[in-house]
């Protein structure tokens, strides 16, 4: 039986590798980085940036078998993006304007008083085994103990029902240009 554990700095590379596998076919991540070489290089930078900040707040969780990751930020946490700014030059020139509109919309829609699930990822070879649900249940149980809400954005329509089963409700749909639809989802405090 798989269990969930807190990820520490010593295991950050495991979290990044799982996220690289999990997001290799994510509609939004691949819209940002359609070239495979750029995807692996720059997504590694993005995931390391997010993982290190999530670890600093003790809100990065993974499965014992290193096949799933839930990367959270607590309410009112100001995520820093300086470390990824160097990758912006590699965003496709034909969609940069739309990409930055997405980024602005994410910031506008994100409630500051809610836990923010930036990434939930499972190794594709372990899909449909309940690992995403396990990670969500474990995380949301902790959030419920604090009586706080949670928020996320989903670009993968296949994941919407997973989030809905765990109490999230779609709030809005964001889409610019030829980019994929992104759904903001919110879960009330319990």
Protein backbone atom coordinates (compact mmCIF):
# COMPACT_ATOMS: atom_id res chain seq x y z
CA UNK A 1 0.00 0.00 0.00
CA UNK A 2 1.35 3.39 -1.00
CA UNK A 3 1.59 6.15 1.58
CA UNK A 4 2.22 9.89 1.28
CA UNK A 5 5.26 11.59 2.75
CA UNK A 6 6.61 15.11 2.93
CA UNK A 7 9.33 15.77 0.34
CA UNK A 8 12.52 17.39 1.64
CA UNK A 9 15.38 19.17 -0.09
CA UNK A 10 17.29 15.85 -0.23
CA UNK A 11 14.51 14.36 -2.39
CA UNK A 12 13.75 17.42 -4.53
CA UNK A 13 15.26 15.80 -7.64
CA UNK A 14 12.77 12.91 -7.30
CA UNK A 15 9.86 15.38 -7.27
CA UNK A 16 11.22 17.21 -10.32
CA UNK A 17 11.68 13.97 -12.26
CA UNK A 18 8.14 12.82 -11.48
CA UNK A 19 6.77 16.19 -12.61
CA UNK A 20 8.80 16.02 -15.83
CA UNK A 21 7.20 12.67 -16.64
CA UNK A 22 3.73 13.71 -15.53
CA UNK A 23 3.66 16.99 -17.47
CA UNK A 24 5.35 15.77 -20.65
CA UNK A 25 1.93 15.62 -22.33
CA UNK A 26 0.14 18.33 -20.34
CA UNK A 27 -1.72 20.64 -22.74
CA UNK A 28 -0.58 23.91 -21.14
CA UNK A 29 3.01 22.92 -20.32
CA UNK A 30 3.52 21.73 -23.91
CA UNK A 31 1.85 24.87 -25.29
CA UNK A 32 4.52 26.81 -23.40
CA UNK A 33 7.31 24.47 -24.48
CA UNK A 34 6.39 22.49 -27.63
CA UNK A 35 10.01 21.61 -28.45
CA UNK A 36 11.02 18.48 -26.43
CA UNK A 37 14.56 19.71 -25.74
CA UNK A 38 13.30 23.04 -24.45
CA UNK A 39 10.55 21.26 -22.48
CA UNK A 40 13.03 19.11 -20.54
CA UNK A 41 15.56 21.89 -20.01
CA UNK A 42 13.14 24.65 -19.00
CA UNK A 43 10.54 22.54 -17.21
CA UNK A 44 13.37 21.28 -14.99
CA UNK A 45 14.07 24.91 -14.07
CA UNK A 46 10.37 25.65 -13.50
CA UNK A 47 9.77 22.52 -11.39
CA UNK A 48 12.94 23.05 -9.33
CA UNK A 49 11.89 26.65 -8.66
CA UNK A 50 8.43 25.60 -7.50
CA UNK A 51 9.66 22.55 -5.56
CA UNK A 52 12.27 24.46 -3.58
CA UNK A 53 9.69 27.07 -2.52
CA UNK A 54 7.09 24.42 -1.69
CA UNK A 55 9.67 22.51 0.38
CA UNK A 56 10.45 25.72 2.27
CA UNK A 57 6.81 25.80 3.42
CA UNK A 58 6.71 22.03 4.06
CA UNK A 59 3.92 21.64 1.51
CA UNK A 60 5.46 19.31 -1.09
CA UNK A 61 4.15 15.76 -0.83
CA UNK A 62 4.95 12.56 -2.68
CA UNK A 63 4.07 8.90 -2.71
CA UNK A 64 6.44 6.45 -1.00
CA UNK A 65 7.17 4.75 -4.32
CA UNK A 66 8.21 8.10 -5.91
CA UNK A 67 5.48 7.98 -8.55
CA UNK A 68 3.30 10.95 -7.56
CA UNK A 69 3.76 14.54 -6.39
CA UNK A 70 1.44 17.21 -4.99
CA UNK A 71 3.10 20.63 -4.93
CA UNK A 72 1.22 23.16 -2.81
CA UNK A 73 1.69 26.70 -1.58
CA UNK A 74 -0.01 27.94 1.61
CA UNK A 75 -2.36 30.92 1.69
CA UNK A 76 -0.76 34.35 1.17
CA UNK A 77 2.50 32.82 -0.08
CA UNK A 78 4.17 34.98 -2.71
CA UNK A 79 5.64 32.57 -5.27
CA UNK A 80 8.90 33.90 -6.70
CA UNK A 81 9.49 33.59 -10.45
CA UNK A 82 12.90 35.27 -10.81
CA UNK A 83 14.63 31.90 -11.26
CA UNK A 84 12.52 31.03 -14.30
CA UNK A 85 12.66 34.41 -16.06
CA UNK A 86 15.66 33.25 -18.11
CA UNK A 87 13.41 30.62 -19.74
CA UNK A 88 10.94 33.18 -21.09
CA UNK A 89 13.18 33.81 -24.09
CA UNK A 90 12.46 30.23 -25.18
CA UNK A 91 8.67 30.61 -25.19
CA UNK A 92 7.33 30.35 -28.75
CA UNK A 93 7.47 33.80 -30.34
CA UNK A 94 4.13 33.29 -32.09
CA UNK A 95 2.30 32.84 -28.76
CA UNK A 96 4.26 34.92 -26.23
CA UNK A 97 1.61 37.63 -26.05
CA UNK A 98 -1.08 35.04 -25.27
CA UNK A 99 1.17 33.20 -22.79
CA UNK A 100 1.73 36.35 -20.74
CA UNK A 101 -2.03 36.99 -20.81
CA UNK A 102 -2.48 33.54 -19.23
CA UNK A 103 0.09 34.38 -16.55
CA UNK A 104 -1.69 37.66 -15.76
CA UNK A 105 -5.09 35.93 -15.64
CA UNK A 106 -3.75 33.25 -13.26
CA UNK A 107 -2.57 35.90 -10.83
CA UNK A 108 -5.85 37.78 -11.11
CA UNK A 109 -8.01 34.69 -10.45
CA UNK A 110 -5.91 33.10 -7.69
CA UNK A 111 -7.41 33.79 -4.25
CA UNK A 112 -4.68 34.81 -1.82
CA UNK A 113 -6.40 33.22 1.19
CA UNK A 114 -6.47 29.68 -0.28
CA UNK A 115 -3.99 26.84 -0.52
CA UNK A 116 -2.74 26.71 -4.12
CA UNK A 117 -2.10 23.39 -5.84
CA UNK A 118 0.41 24.36 -8.50
CA UNK A 119 1.20 20.82 -9.65
CA UNK A 120 -0.33 17.41 -9.12
CA UNK A 121 1.53 14.85 -11.16
CA UNK A 122 1.73 11.08 -11.45
CA UNK A 123 4.20 9.04 -13.49
CA UNK A 124 2.20 8.03 -16.63
CA UNK A 125 3.15 4.37 -16.07
CA UNK A 126 1.22 4.56 -12.76
CA UNK A 127 -1.96 6.27 -14.00
CA UNK A 128 -5.36 4.90 -12.95
CA UNK A 129 -4.03 3.41 -9.71
CA UNK A 130 -5.59 6.06 -7.46
CA UNK A 131 -2.34 7.88 -6.71
CA UNK A 132 -3.69 11.30 -7.65
CA UNK A 133 -6.65 10.70 -5.33
CA UNK A 134 -4.34 9.50 -2.57
CA UNK A 135 -2.21 12.64 -2.82
CA UNK A 136 -5.25 14.92 -2.96
CA UNK A 137 -7.01 13.22 -0.03
CA UNK A 138 -3.89 13.37 2.12
CA UNK A 139 -3.28 17.05 1.31
CA UNK A 140 -6.90 18.10 1.63
CA UNK A 141 -7.27 16.32 4.98
CA UNK A 142 -4.47 18.55 6.31
CA UNK A 143 -6.03 21.66 4.75
CA UNK A 144 -9.44 20.72 6.21
CA UNK A 145 -7.89 20.48 9.69
CA UNK A 146 -6.95 24.14 9.22
CA UNK A 147 -10.44 25.00 7.89
CA UNK A 148 -8.98 26.68 4.82
CA UNK A 149 -9.99 26.70 1.13
CA UNK A 150 -7.98 25.37 -1.81
CA UNK A 151 -7.52 26.50 -5.40
CA UNK A 152 -5.99 25.16 -8.63
CA UNK A 153 -5.88 25.64 -12.39
CA UNK A 154 -6.35 22.63 -14.66
CA UNK A 155 -5.46 22.42 -18.33
CA UNK A 156 -6.16 18.72 -18.61
CA UNK A 157 -9.87 17.93 -19.10
CA UNK A 158 -9.27 14.33 -17.93
CA UNK A 159 -8.38 15.65 -14.47
CA UNK A 160 -11.49 17.74 -13.93
CA UNK A 161 -13.57 14.85 -12.57
CA UNK A 162 -10.76 13.89 -10.15
CA UNK A 163 -10.77 17.38 -8.70
CA UNK A 164 -14.56 17.50 -8.59
CA UNK A 165 -14.65 14.19 -6.64
CA UNK A 166 -12.48 15.91 -4.04
CA UNK A 167 -14.78 18.89 -3.66
CA UNK A 168 -13.38 21.36 -6.18
CA UNK A 169 -15.80 23.30 -8.37
CA UNK A 170 -14.98 24.95 -11.69
CA UNK A 171 -15.06 28.73 -11.34
CA UNK A 172 -13.92 30.09 -14.68
CA UNK A 173 -12.41 29.15 -18.01
CA UNK A 174 -9.35 31.04 -19.28
CA UNK A 175 -8.22 30.81 -22.89
CA UNK A 176 -6.15 33.04 -25.14
CA UNK A 177 -5.31 32.64 -28.82
CA UNK A 178 -4.55 29.05 -29.79
CA UNK A 179 -3.76 28.05 -26.21
CA UNK A 180 -5.61 25.31 -24.34
CA UNK A 181 -8.52 26.12 -22.06
CA UNK A 182 -7.52 26.45 -18.40
CA UNK A 183 -10.14 25.93 -15.73
CA UNK A 184 -9.81 27.61 -12.36
CA UNK A 185 -11.21 25.45 -9.56
CA UNK A 186 -12.00 26.30 -5.95
CA UNK A 187 -12.77 24.19 -2.90
CA UNK A 188 -14.49 25.84 0.04
CA UNK A 189 -13.02 25.55 3.50
CA UNK A 190 -14.35 22.52 5.40
